């Protein structure tokens, strides 16, 4: 009997490119038929065939308090009953803006938008408007949304002009982006020595989550801040993924690095489309209607999305919230790694806050090149075997995973047991 997942995928491919509305959902990296989910509750999701999975994707990060948290659902229902949107200011926009500025040490002013891509795209434009420069520095393996200037990969050498990583991106736009190696402080020094007076901004994931989980070296973080200050470039920390995931104050609070701008998304929307960017007052005042850098959005600060985000951000401030998330992420990753070692399988893992990485490699990678050297086929095999055991991991060897407050000790133990069963059968 054909599964409902397969039926839905077959039908979707007729009218939706690739059958999905975001590429990674297609399971192209791991093979097989993508799952179509119909409901979620707490730490679990159910697919179109009614199979239950312990969820470690968490809608790619937003579900930090779990699926369908009753307080978040009630807040959304109450907001929707008052109106789905106005295209005009609301008191709730001010409330979430004040809360963000209170929680995050880098925010003096903030503007709400609807997606992480919109936040990073506008932060880049704002940095260019503020500095009067055009060049952007980014790092191989860091993803900052799908705007043209950020869909760029490295050229043939460390300091060559970037090359488009997507059809439809003009080479002229890609040429304004220089792509460097993540965690390479020396390479960063060299780039600023060559292009310093051209650089408008350096944008980086302070904790990389789009080439699996890669942690920054201290000297790398310090070099970014020092060089941006020295050369008058804007340091943009893309915390769309790490914001409220690494800790309450994001990665910049965790590591004690002060950015000029940050971008936020995912958790701050509580599962609905909401994002933001903000930072230094003098830079933010360059935005229209105060300044000459234009940005607008009809659904920016949508009251229903803001309600979900506000409630989520209040819940994560509960005493001990992040301490428990940190512990269960560590317990799970260390348990899976111990099982792999017991069965003689090359494997490593790490976590920070509620984010984690699993690698089919003897050691934890620290760069894009090291991630690419991990055994991708082994991960794909592991992914499908864990699916069969009722554990849903990101369908790619190059994505970080997430735990939520809804994950119980029993969920963690069941996940480790599933991995042990999979590794025991590994040949």
Protein backbone atom coordinates (compact mmCIF):
# COMPACT_ATOMS: atom_id res chain seq x y z
CA UNK A 1 0.00 0.00 0.00
CA UNK A 2 1.39 3.41 -0.98
CA UNK A 3 1.96 5.67 2.01
CA UNK A 4 0.08 8.93 2.35
CA UNK A 5 3.46 10.68 2.42
CA UNK A 6 4.28 9.25 -1.00
CA UNK A 7 0.85 10.10 -2.40
CA UNK A 8 1.11 13.69 -1.20
CA UNK A 9 4.63 14.02 -2.58
CA UNK A 10 3.58 12.61 -5.97
CA UNK A 11 0.71 15.08 -6.20
CA UNK A 12 2.79 18.00 -4.94
CA UNK A 13 5.44 17.51 -7.60
CA UNK A 14 2.85 18.20 -10.29
CA UNK A 15 2.21 21.77 -9.16
CA UNK A 16 4.99 22.74 -6.71
CA UNK A 17 8.60 22.79 -8.01
CA UNK A 18 10.24 19.70 -6.57
CA UNK A 19 7.11 19.04 -4.56
CA UNK A 20 8.27 21.30 -1.73
CA UNK A 21 8.26 24.98 -0.79
CA UNK A 22 11.80 24.99 0.57
CA UNK A 23 14.55 22.84 -0.98
CA UNK A 24 15.89 20.97 2.07
CA UNK A 25 12.42 19.54 2.70
CA UNK A 26 12.72 17.45 -0.46
CA UNK A 27 15.12 14.93 1.18
CA UNK A 28 17.37 15.38 -1.84
CA UNK A 29 20.47 15.24 0.36
CA UNK A 30 19.47 12.01 2.15
CA UNK A 31 17.29 10.37 -0.51
CA UNK A 32 13.82 8.94 -0.13
CA UNK A 33 10.37 10.47 0.20
CA UNK A 34 9.92 13.55 2.38
CA UNK A 35 7.58 13.35 5.32
CA UNK A 36 4.39 15.39 5.29
CA UNK A 37 3.51 16.35 8.85
CA UNK A 38 -0.04 16.93 10.00
CA UNK A 39 0.33 17.72 13.69
CA UNK A 40 2.77 18.27 16.51
CA UNK A 41 2.52 18.21 20.27
CA UNK A 42 5.31 18.83 22.75
CA UNK A 43 8.47 17.07 21.58
CA UNK A 44 6.74 14.97 18.90
CA UNK A 45 5.32 15.25 15.40
CA UNK A 46 3.05 12.93 13.42
CA UNK A 47 3.28 12.37 9.68
CA UNK A 48 0.56 11.76 7.10
CA UNK A 49 0.69 8.03 7.89
CA UNK A 50 0.10 8.77 11.59
CA UNK A 51 3.60 7.67 12.54
CA UNK A 52 4.97 9.47 15.59
CA UNK A 53 8.51 10.86 15.74
CA UNK A 54 10.58 12.50 18.46
CA UNK A 55 11.39 15.78 16.74
CA UNK A 56 14.90 17.25 16.71
CA UNK A 57 14.28 19.65 13.83
CA UNK A 58 11.79 21.82 15.74
CA UNK A 59 10.66 23.59 12.56
CA UNK A 60 14.39 24.35 12.01
CA UNK A 61 14.68 26.01 15.41
CA UNK A 62 11.59 28.03 16.37
CA UNK A 63 9.87 25.45 18.57
CA UNK A 64 12.07 25.93 21.62
CA UNK A 65 9.13 25.45 24.01
CA UNK A 66 7.77 22.54 21.98
CA UNK A 67 4.93 22.15 19.53
CA UNK A 68 1.54 23.63 20.41
CA UNK A 69 2.54 24.99 23.80
CA UNK A 70 -0.82 25.90 25.36
CA UNK A 71 0.22 29.44 26.30
CA UNK A 72 1.53 30.16 22.81
CA UNK A 73 -1.60 28.72 21.19
CA UNK A 74 -3.86 30.80 23.44
CA UNK A 75 -1.89 33.97 22.69
CA UNK A 76 -2.25 33.34 18.96
CA UNK A 77 -5.97 32.64 19.28
CA UNK A 78 -6.55 35.77 21.34
CA UNK A 79 -4.59 37.94 18.90
CA UNK A 80 -6.36 36.45 15.86
CA UNK A 81 -9.73 37.17 17.44
CA UNK A 82 -8.81 40.86 17.54
CA UNK A 83 -7.58 41.01 13.93
CA UNK A 84 -5.19 39.17 11.63
CA UNK A 85 -3.32 42.30 10.57
CA UNK A 86 -3.65 46.03 10.12
CA UNK A 87 -0.65 47.31 8.16
CA UNK A 88 -0.44 49.94 10.89
CA UNK A 89 1.33 50.20 14.26
CA UNK A 90 0.13 48.15 17.22
CA UNK A 91 1.01 48.23 20.91
CA UNK A 92 2.27 44.65 20.70
CA UNK A 93 5.00 45.70 18.24
CA UNK A 94 6.30 48.14 20.81
CA UNK A 95 6.08 45.51 23.53
CA UNK A 96 8.19 42.94 21.68
CA UNK A 97 10.68 45.61 20.55
CA UNK A 98 11.13 46.74 24.16
CA UNK A 99 11.52 43.14 25.32
CA UNK A 100 14.17 42.40 22.68
CA UNK A 101 16.14 45.51 23.64
CA UNK A 102 15.89 44.57 27.31
CA UNK A 103 17.11 40.99 26.81
CA UNK A 104 19.84 41.49 24.20
CA UNK A 105 22.86 43.59 25.19
CA UNK A 106 23.61 44.73 21.62
CA UNK A 107 20.22 46.25 20.77
CA UNK A 108 19.73 49.99 21.05
CA UNK A 109 17.07 50.08 18.33
CA UNK A 110 15.29 47.30 16.47
CA UNK A 111 13.00 46.89 13.47
CA UNK A 112 10.60 44.01 12.96
CA UNK A 113 10.39 42.12 9.66
CA UNK A 114 8.88 38.81 8.57
CA UNK A 115 11.78 36.45 7.80
CA UNK A 116 15.43 35.84 8.51
CA UNK A 117 16.27 36.40 4.86
CA UNK A 118 14.58 39.80 4.99
CA UNK A 119 16.48 40.68 8.16
CA UNK A 120 19.92 39.82 6.78
CA UNK A 121 19.20 41.37 3.39
CA UNK A 122 18.22 44.65 5.01
CA UNK A 123 21.10 44.61 7.49
CA UNK A 124 23.48 44.41 4.52
CA UNK A 125 21.74 47.29 2.77
CA UNK A 126 21.82 49.32 5.97
CA UNK A 127 25.55 48.69 6.45
CA UNK A 128 26.22 49.82 2.89
CA UNK A 129 24.12 52.93 3.36
CA UNK A 130 25.81 53.76 6.65
CA UNK A 131 29.38 53.28 5.40
CA UNK A 132 29.00 54.35 1.78
CA UNK A 133 30.88 51.18 0.79
CA UNK A 134 29.89 48.14 -1.26
CA UNK A 135 32.00 45.08 -0.36
CA UNK A 136 30.68 42.37 1.96
CA UNK A 137 32.71 39.67 3.72
CA UNK A 138 31.08 36.33 4.51
CA UNK A 139 32.29 32.82 5.30
CA UNK A 140 32.07 29.56 3.39
CA UNK A 141 29.34 27.37 4.84
CA UNK A 142 27.46 30.17 6.58
CA UNK A 143 23.96 30.70 5.21
CA UNK A 144 22.29 34.08 5.55
CA UNK A 145 19.15 33.66 3.50
CA UNK A 146 18.60 33.67 -0.23
CA UNK A 147 19.17 37.31 -1.21
CA UNK A 148 21.44 37.69 -4.25
CA UNK A 149 24.52 39.11 -2.55
CA UNK A 150 24.60 36.32 0.04
CA UNK A 151 24.11 33.34 -2.28
CA UNK A 152 27.80 33.34 -3.00
CA UNK A 153 30.47 30.67 -2.63
CA UNK A 154 34.24 30.96 -2.47
CA UNK A 155 36.27 31.45 -5.61
CA UNK A 156 39.40 29.44 -6.41
CA UNK A 157 41.52 31.20 -3.79
CA UNK A 158 40.95 32.60 -0.32
CA UNK A 159 40.78 36.18 -1.52
CA UNK A 160 39.25 35.78 -4.96
CA UNK A 161 35.92 37.38 -5.70
CA UNK A 162 32.91 35.28 -4.82
CA UNK A 163 31.06 33.17 -7.36
CA UNK A 164 27.26 32.84 -7.54
CA UNK A 165 26.02 29.67 -5.83
CA UNK A 166 22.62 29.95 -7.52
CA UNK A 167 21.55 30.47 -11.09
CA UNK A 168 19.95 33.89 -11.47
CA UNK A 169 22.50 35.70 -9.31
CA UNK A 170 24.41 38.16 -11.52
CA UNK A 171 28.17 37.76 -11.39
CA UNK A 172 28.42 41.53 -10.90
CA UNK A 173 26.54 41.24 -7.58
CA UNK A 174 28.49 38.17 -6.46
CA UNK A 175 31.73 40.04 -7.18
CA UNK A 176 30.90 42.43 -4.33
CA UNK A 177 31.05 39.56 -1.84
CA UNK A 178 34.35 38.09 -0.66
CA UNK A 179 34.11 34.61 0.85
CA UNK A 180 36.57 33.45 3.49
CA UNK A 181 37.14 30.36 5.64
CA UNK A 182 35.20 30.18 8.90
CA UNK A 183 37.41 30.20 12.02
CA UNK A 184 40.43 31.46 10.05
CA UNK A 185 41.59 34.61 11.84
CA UNK A 186 44.72 34.91 9.69
CA UNK A 187 42.67 34.82 6.50
CA UNK A 188 40.43 37.52 7.91
CA UNK A 189 43.43 39.72 8.66
CA UNK A 190 44.62 39.28 5.09
CA UNK A 191 41.21 40.20 3.64
CA UNK A 192 41.03 43.42 5.64
CA UNK A 193 44.61 44.27 4.67
CA UNK A 194 43.65 44.01 1.00
CA UNK A 195 40.09 45.36 0.98
CA UNK A 196 39.74 47.26 4.27
CA UNK A 197 38.59 50.61 2.85
CA UNK A 198 36.03 48.86 0.58
CA UNK A 199 34.34 46.71 3.22
CA UNK A 200 30.88 47.81 4.30
CA UNK A 201 30.17 44.82 6.50
CA UNK A 202 31.29 41.44 7.71
CA UNK A 203 28.37 39.05 8.26
CA UNK A 204 28.77 35.78 10.13
CA UNK A 205 26.88 33.14 12.06
CA UNK A 206 28.61 33.46 15.45
CA UNK A 207 27.67 29.81 15.97
CA UNK A 208 27.41 28.21 12.55
CA UNK A 209 24.34 26.01 12.13
CA UNK A 210 24.08 25.69 8.38
CA UNK A 211 27.13 23.47 7.83
CA UNK A 212 26.13 21.33 10.78
CA UNK A 213 27.10 22.86 14.13
CA UNK A 214 30.49 24.59 14.13
CA UNK A 215 31.66 26.57 17.14
CA UNK A 216 33.77 29.70 16.73
CA UNK A 217 37.34 29.95 17.96
CA UNK A 218 37.92 32.77 20.45
CA UNK A 219 40.64 34.34 18.32
CA UNK A 220 38.29 34.31 15.33
CA UNK A 221 35.59 36.21 17.21
CA UNK A 222 38.08 38.71 18.60
CA UNK A 223 39.65 39.28 15.18
CA UNK A 224 36.28 40.09 13.63
CA UNK A 225 35.50 42.74 16.23
CA UNK A 226 38.98 44.24 16.19
CA UNK A 227 39.25 44.44 12.41
CA UNK A 228 35.75 45.84 11.85
CA UNK A 229 36.43 48.55 14.43
CA UNK A 230 39.85 49.37 12.95
CA UNK A 231 38.58 49.63 9.36
CA UNK A 232 35.16 51.17 10.01
CA UNK A 233 33.20 48.14 8.78
CA UNK A 234 29.90 47.03 10.30
CA UNK A 235 30.02 43.72 12.18
CA UNK A 236 26.74 41.85 11.59
CA UNK A 237 26.10 38.76 13.68
CA UNK A 238 23.46 36.60 12.06
CA UNK A 239 21.64 35.17 15.07
CA UNK A 240 18.57 34.00 13.17
CA UNK A 241 19.44 30.48 14.29
CA UNK A 242 21.55 30.99 17.42
CA UNK A 243 19.43 33.78 18.88
CA UNK A 244 17.67 32.48 22.05
CA UNK A 245 19.00 29.00 21.18
CA UNK A 246 22.56 29.26 22.48
CA UNK A 247 21.27 31.16 25.51
CA UNK A 248 18.89 33.95 26.46
CA UNK A 249 21.30 36.61 25.18
CA UNK A 250 22.20 34.70 22.04
CA UNK A 251 25.71 33.83 20.92
CA UNK A 252 26.97 37.40 21.27
CA UNK A 253 25.94 37.41 24.93
CA UNK A 254 27.31 33.92 25.45
CA UNK A 255 30.74 34.79 24.02
CA UNK A 256 30.82 38.42 25.12
CA UNK A 257 31.29 39.95 21.68
CA UNK A 258 29.55 43.23 20.79
CA UNK A 259 28.23 43.41 17.21
CA UNK A 260 27.15 46.56 15.42
CA UNK A 261 24.03 44.85 14.07
CA UNK A 262 22.35 41.52 14.71
CA UNK A 263 19.64 39.65 12.86
CA UNK A 264 17.00 37.54 14.57
CA UNK A 265 14.28 35.11 13.54
CA UNK A 266 12.97 31.62 14.28
CA UNK A 267 12.53 31.54 18.10
CA UNK A 268 11.41 35.18 18.23
CA UNK A 269 8.37 34.22 16.14
CA UNK A 270 7.45 31.23 18.27
CA UNK A 271 6.65 29.23 15.13
CA UNK A 272 5.06 32.01 13.07
CA UNK A 273 6.88 34.20 10.51
CA UNK A 274 8.62 36.95 12.47
CA UNK A 275 12.15 38.30 12.45
CA UNK A 276 14.07 41.44 13.30
CA UNK A 277 17.35 43.28 12.93
CA UNK A 278 18.84 45.92 15.15
CA UNK A 279 21.86 47.28 16.94
CA UNK A 280 23.65 50.59 17.21
CA UNK A 281 21.38 53.63 17.32
CA UNK A 282 23.49 55.68 14.90
CA UNK A 283 23.28 52.92 12.28
CA UNK A 284 19.59 52.16 12.80
CA UNK A 285 18.69 55.84 12.43
CA UNK A 286 19.81 55.60 8.79
CA UNK A 287 16.60 53.64 8.08
CA UNK A 288 13.58 55.28 6.47
CA UNK A 289 11.61 57.22 7.54
CA UNK A 290 14.48 58.76 9.55
CA UNK A 291 17.22 58.14 7.00
CA UNK A 292 17.87 57.34 3.36
CA UNK A 293 18.06 53.51 3.57
CA UNK A 294 14.69 52.18 2.49
CA UNK A 295 13.00 49.12 3.95
CA UNK A 296 9.32 48.30 4.23
CA UNK A 297 7.04 45.33 4.83
CA UNK A 298 3.26 45.12 4.82
CA UNK A 299 3.24 42.24 7.30
CA UNK A 300 6.12 43.45 9.47
CA UNK A 301 5.09 43.17 13.11
CA UNK A 302 2.03 41.11 12.28
CA UNK A 303 0.03 40.99 15.54
CA UNK A 304 -0.57 37.23 15.46
CA UNK A 305 3.11 36.44 14.87
CA UNK A 306 4.12 38.98 17.51
CA UNK A 307 1.78 37.34 20.01
CA UNK A 308 3.43 33.95 19.43
CA UNK A 309 6.88 35.49 19.71
CA UNK A 310 6.14 37.52 22.82
CA UNK A 311 4.74 34.52 24.66
CA UNK A 312 7.68 32.32 23.64
CA UNK A 313 10.21 34.95 24.73
CA UNK A 314 8.51 35.22 28.10
CA UNK A 315 8.53 31.45 28.57
CA UNK A 316 12.26 31.12 27.85
CA UNK A 317 13.04 33.52 30.69
CA UNK A 318 11.84 31.02 33.31
CA UNK A 319 14.51 30.18 35.91
CA UNK A 320 16.61 27.20 34.88
CA UNK A 321 15.18 27.08 31.36
CA UNK A 322 18.51 27.18 29.51
CA UNK A 323 20.37 25.12 32.09
CA UNK A 324 17.99 22.23 31.48
CA UNK A 325 18.12 22.58 27.67
CA UNK A 326 21.92 22.61 27.80
CA UNK A 327 21.94 19.46 29.91
CA UNK A 328 19.55 17.41 27.77
CA UNK A 329 21.35 18.40 24.53
CA UNK A 330 24.65 17.37 26.10
CA UNK A 331 23.24 14.14 27.53
CA UNK A 332 21.77 13.13 24.17
CA UNK A 333 24.80 13.90 22.01
CA UNK A 334 27.22 12.30 24.44
CA UNK A 335 24.99 9.23 24.72
CA UNK A 336 24.82 8.75 20.95
CA UNK A 337 28.58 9.27 20.62
CA UNK A 338 29.26 6.72 23.38
CA UNK A 339 27.10 4.19 21.59
CA UNK A 340 28.92 4.76 18.29
CA UNK A 341 32.28 4.33 20.03
CA UNK A 342 31.09 1.11 21.69
CA UNK A 343 30.27 -0.31 18.26
CA UNK A 344 33.50 0.92 16.66
CA UNK A 345 31.91 3.54 14.38
CA UNK A 346 33.81 6.78 13.62
CA UNK A 347 31.57 9.42 15.15
CA UNK A 348 31.69 12.63 17.18
CA UNK A 349 29.21 15.15 18.56
CA UNK A 350 28.91 18.45 20.38
CA UNK A 351 26.29 20.85 21.67
CA UNK A 352 25.92 24.44 22.83
CA UNK A 353 22.77 25.54 24.57
CA UNK A 354 19.91 23.77 22.81
CA UNK A 355 21.77 23.32 19.49
CA UNK A 356 23.69 20.16 18.64
CA UNK A 357 25.79 18.56 15.91
CA UNK A 358 26.30 14.91 14.97
CA UNK A 359 29.24 14.01 12.72
CA UNK A 360 30.44 10.79 11.14
CA UNK A 361 34.04 11.76 11.81
CA UNK A 362 36.60 10.80 14.46
CA UNK A 363 36.82 14.41 15.63
CA UNK A 364 34.46 17.35 15.83
CA UNK A 365 34.94 19.58 12.75
CA UNK A 366 35.93 23.22 13.14
CA UNK A 367 35.70 24.41 9.53
CA UNK A 368 33.72 24.01 6.33
CA UNK A 369 36.44 21.79 4.83
CA UNK A 370 36.37 19.48 7.84
CA UNK A 371 32.59 19.23 7.71
CA UNK A 372 32.76 18.32 4.04
CA UNK A 373 35.25 15.56 4.89
CA UNK A 374 32.73 13.83 7.19
CA UNK A 375 31.11 10.62 5.92
CA UNK A 376 27.92 11.92 4.32
CA UNK A 377 26.72 8.50 3.18
CA UNK A 378 27.02 7.17 6.72
CA UNK A 379 24.89 10.06 7.95
CA UNK A 380 22.26 9.38 5.29
CA UNK A 381 22.09 5.75 6.37
CA UNK A 382 21.85 6.80 10.03
CA UNK A 383 19.11 9.34 9.23
CA UNK A 384 16.83 6.77 7.61
CA UNK A 385 17.53 4.15 10.27
CA UNK A 386 16.62 6.64 13.00
CA UNK A 387 13.45 7.58 11.10
CA UNK A 388 12.47 3.94 11.15
CA UNK A 389 12.96 4.01 14.94
CA UNK A 390 10.73 7.09 15.29
CA UNK A 391 13.40 9.78 15.59
CA UNK A 392 13.27 12.76 13.22
CA UNK A 393 16.63 14.45 12.60
CA UNK A 394 17.39 17.15 10.04
CA UNK A 395 17.39 15.56 6.55
CA UNK A 396 20.92 16.72 5.79
CA UNK A 397 24.41 16.06 7.15
CA UNK A 398 24.98 19.82 7.04
CA UNK A 399 22.33 21.08 9.46
CA UNK A 400 22.41 21.57 13.22
CA UNK A 401 19.76 19.92 15.37
CA UNK A 402 17.70 21.29 18.26
CA UNK A 403 16.18 20.11 21.51
CA UNK A 404 13.16 21.79 23.08
CA UNK A 405 11.86 22.30 26.59
CA UNK A 406 9.23 19.69 25.79
CA UNK A 407 11.81 16.91 25.39
CA UNK A 408 11.66 14.72 28.47
CA UNK A 409 14.38 12.58 29.99
CA UNK A 410 12.44 9.62 28.59
CA UNK A 411 12.61 11.13 25.08
CA UNK A 412 16.36 11.55 25.38
CA UNK A 413 16.79 7.99 26.66
CA UNK A 414 14.60 6.64 23.84
CA UNK A 415 16.68 8.52 21.28
CA UNK A 416 19.96 7.14 22.64
CA UNK A 417 18.46 3.64 22.71
CA UNK A 418 17.33 4.02 19.09
CA UNK A 419 20.84 5.09 18.06
CA UNK A 420 22.34 2.15 19.93
CA UNK A 421 20.01 -0.23 18.10
CA UNK A 422 20.98 1.33 14.77
CA UNK A 423 24.71 1.17 15.51
CA UNK A 424 24.46 -2.42 16.78
CA UNK A 425 23.14 -3.44 13.35
CA UNK A 426 25.79 -1.37 11.49
CA UNK A 427 27.86 -3.47 9.10
